[in-house]
Protein backbone atom coordinates (compact mmCIF):
# COMPACT_ATOMS: atom_id res chain seq x y z
CA MET A 1 104.07 101.35 94.77
CA GLU A 2 103.18 104.75 93.39
CA ASP A 3 99.59 106.08 93.60
CA GLU A 4 99.17 105.66 89.84
CA GLU A 5 99.85 101.92 90.15
CA LEU A 6 97.64 101.50 93.21
CA TYR A 7 94.64 103.19 91.64
CA ASP A 8 95.15 102.28 87.99
CA SER A 9 91.45 101.63 87.43
CA PHE A 10 90.60 105.25 88.31
CA THR A 11 91.25 108.51 86.52
CA LYS A 12 93.89 110.78 88.03
CA LYS A 13 91.14 113.06 89.39
CA GLU A 14 89.24 110.15 90.96
CA MET A 15 92.48 108.82 92.42
CA GLU A 16 93.26 112.16 94.03
CA GLU A 17 89.72 112.45 95.42
CA LEU A 18 89.73 108.93 96.87
CA SER A 19 93.17 109.35 98.38
CA SER A 20 92.26 112.71 99.91
CA GLU A 21 88.94 111.42 101.22
CA ALA A 22 90.54 108.36 102.82
CA LYS A 23 93.23 110.46 104.50
CA GLU A 24 90.65 112.96 105.77
CA ARG A 25 88.30 110.28 107.13
CA TRP A 26 90.76 107.74 108.47
CA GLY A 27 94.23 109.31 108.40
CA HIS A 28 94.34 109.47 112.18
CA THR A 29 93.68 105.73 112.61
CA THR A 30 96.14 102.92 113.09
CA ALA A 31 94.42 100.98 110.30
CA TYR A 32 95.00 103.81 107.82
CA GLN A 33 98.65 104.06 108.79
CA GLU A 34 99.04 100.28 108.55
CA SER A 35 97.39 100.30 105.15
CA GLU A 36 99.61 103.11 103.87
CA LYS A 37 102.71 101.22 104.99
CA LYS A 38 101.55 97.94 103.44
CA MET A 39 100.52 99.54 100.17
CA ARG A 40 103.84 101.32 99.77
CA SER A 41 105.80 98.12 100.36
CA ILE A 42 104.14 95.85 97.79
CA THR A 43 105.24 95.46 94.20
CA LYS A 44 103.09 95.88 91.11
CA GLU A 45 103.21 92.10 90.65
CA GLN A 46 101.95 91.55 94.19
CA MET A 47 99.17 94.08 93.62
CA ASP A 48 98.15 92.25 90.45
CA VAL A 49 97.79 89.04 92.50
CA ILE A 50 95.79 90.87 95.19
CA LYS A 51 93.47 92.37 92.56
CA LYS A 52 93.00 88.95 90.93
CA GLU A 53 92.13 87.41 94.31
CA GLY A 54 89.62 90.19 95.00
CA ASP A 55 88.04 89.65 91.59
CA GLU A 56 87.76 85.91 92.23
CA ILE A 57 86.09 86.51 95.58
CA SER A 58 83.58 88.89 93.98
CA ARG A 59 82.84 86.37 91.22
CA LYS A 60 82.28 83.58 93.75
CA ALA A 61 79.95 85.81 95.75
CA ALA A 62 78.05 86.87 92.62
CA VAL A 63 77.17 83.25 91.90
CA LEU A 64 75.64 82.99 95.36
CA VAL A 65 73.40 86.09 95.19
CA GLY A 66 69.93 85.01 96.27
CA SER A 67 71.23 82.34 98.65
CA ASP A 68 70.70 82.49 102.38
CA VAL A 69 73.61 84.64 103.61
CA ARG A 70 74.03 82.35 106.62
CA LYS A 71 74.67 79.27 104.46
CA GLN A 72 78.11 77.76 104.99
CA GLU A 73 78.98 78.19 101.30
CA VAL A 74 78.27 81.93 101.49
CA GLN A 75 80.09 82.35 104.78
CA THR A 76 83.13 80.55 103.37
CA VAL A 77 83.35 83.15 100.58
CA ILE A 78 82.86 85.96 103.09
CA ALA A 79 85.64 84.51 105.27
CA LEU A 80 87.90 84.71 102.20
CA HIS A 81 86.84 88.33 101.73
CA TYR A 82 87.59 89.14 105.37
CA LYS A 83 91.00 87.47 105.12
CA HIS A 84 91.71 89.25 101.82
CA LEU A 85 91.44 92.60 103.59
CA SER A 86 94.56 91.73 105.56
CA ASN A 87 96.47 92.58 102.39
CA PHE A 88 95.62 96.18 103.25
CA TYR A 89 94.99 96.32 107.03
CA THR A 90 94.01 94.13 109.96
CA PRO A 91 90.20 94.25 109.99
CA SER A 92 88.19 94.32 113.20
CA LYS A 93 84.51 93.50 113.56
CA GLU A 94 83.69 97.19 113.77
CA MET A 95 85.71 98.03 110.67
CA TYR A 96 84.18 95.14 108.73
CA LYS A 97 80.69 96.29 109.66
CA GLY A 98 81.58 99.82 108.51
CA LEU A 99 82.84 98.44 105.22
CA ALA A 100 79.62 96.46 104.79
CA GLU A 101 77.63 99.65 105.31
CA MET A 102 79.79 101.48 102.75
CA TYR A 103 79.05 98.80 100.16
CA ILE A 104 75.42 99.90 100.09
CA ALA A 105 75.71 103.56 101.15
CA ASP A 106 78.50 104.66 98.81
CA THR A 107 77.54 104.43 95.15
CA ARG A 108 81.16 103.87 94.14
CA PHE A 109 81.19 100.58 96.03
CA THR A 110 77.70 99.66 94.92
CA GLN A 111 78.56 100.26 91.26
CA HIS A 112 81.72 98.19 91.60
CA PHE A 113 79.80 95.16 92.87
CA GLU A 114 76.84 95.62 90.52
CA LYS A 115 79.28 95.11 87.61
CA TYR A 116 79.51 91.50 88.74
CA LYS A 117 75.80 90.99 89.36
CA VAL A 118 72.81 93.13 90.22
CA GLY A 119 72.17 92.81 93.93
CA LEU A 120 75.73 91.84 94.84
CA ALA A 121 76.41 94.95 96.96
CA GLN A 122 73.38 94.28 99.16
CA PHE A 123 74.21 90.58 99.28
CA MET A 124 77.79 91.32 100.37
CA HIS A 125 76.48 93.71 103.02
CA ASP A 126 74.05 91.17 104.42
CA ALA A 127 76.55 88.30 104.30
CA MET A 128 79.25 90.42 105.96
CA ILE A 129 76.89 91.40 108.77
CA ALA A 130 75.99 87.72 109.28
CA PHE A 131 79.71 86.90 109.34
CA ILE A 132 80.33 89.48 112.06
CA GLU A 133 77.41 88.21 114.13
CA ASN A 134 78.83 84.69 114.06
CA LYS A 135 82.48 85.65 114.61
């Protein structure tokens, strides 16, 4: 896929900034290289399915905001989220924890989740950390 198809929800400027930032921060890692390879090999149709799955996971999590993050129902949704990441790279515990931290530290992630429900970014963070602790 071309960058424009991968980042179709962003402006061209945002796309360039995100791509540059990711390469600068993680370009040296195996996960980044794996992700680049995977992303370049999928079709637009496959990406549409991946986006739909991600949206469904976020919607399921949004319904659970306010629940105990250790509840089986919550952890089942988080397990789906963890598995969903394999569309892009093979997540490790350390990487998943880093992603959880980004969900609350990076306003771009926070804003994305808050579109679903206020408090979802923090909820995802907390549930992801609980998932890691039990994995």
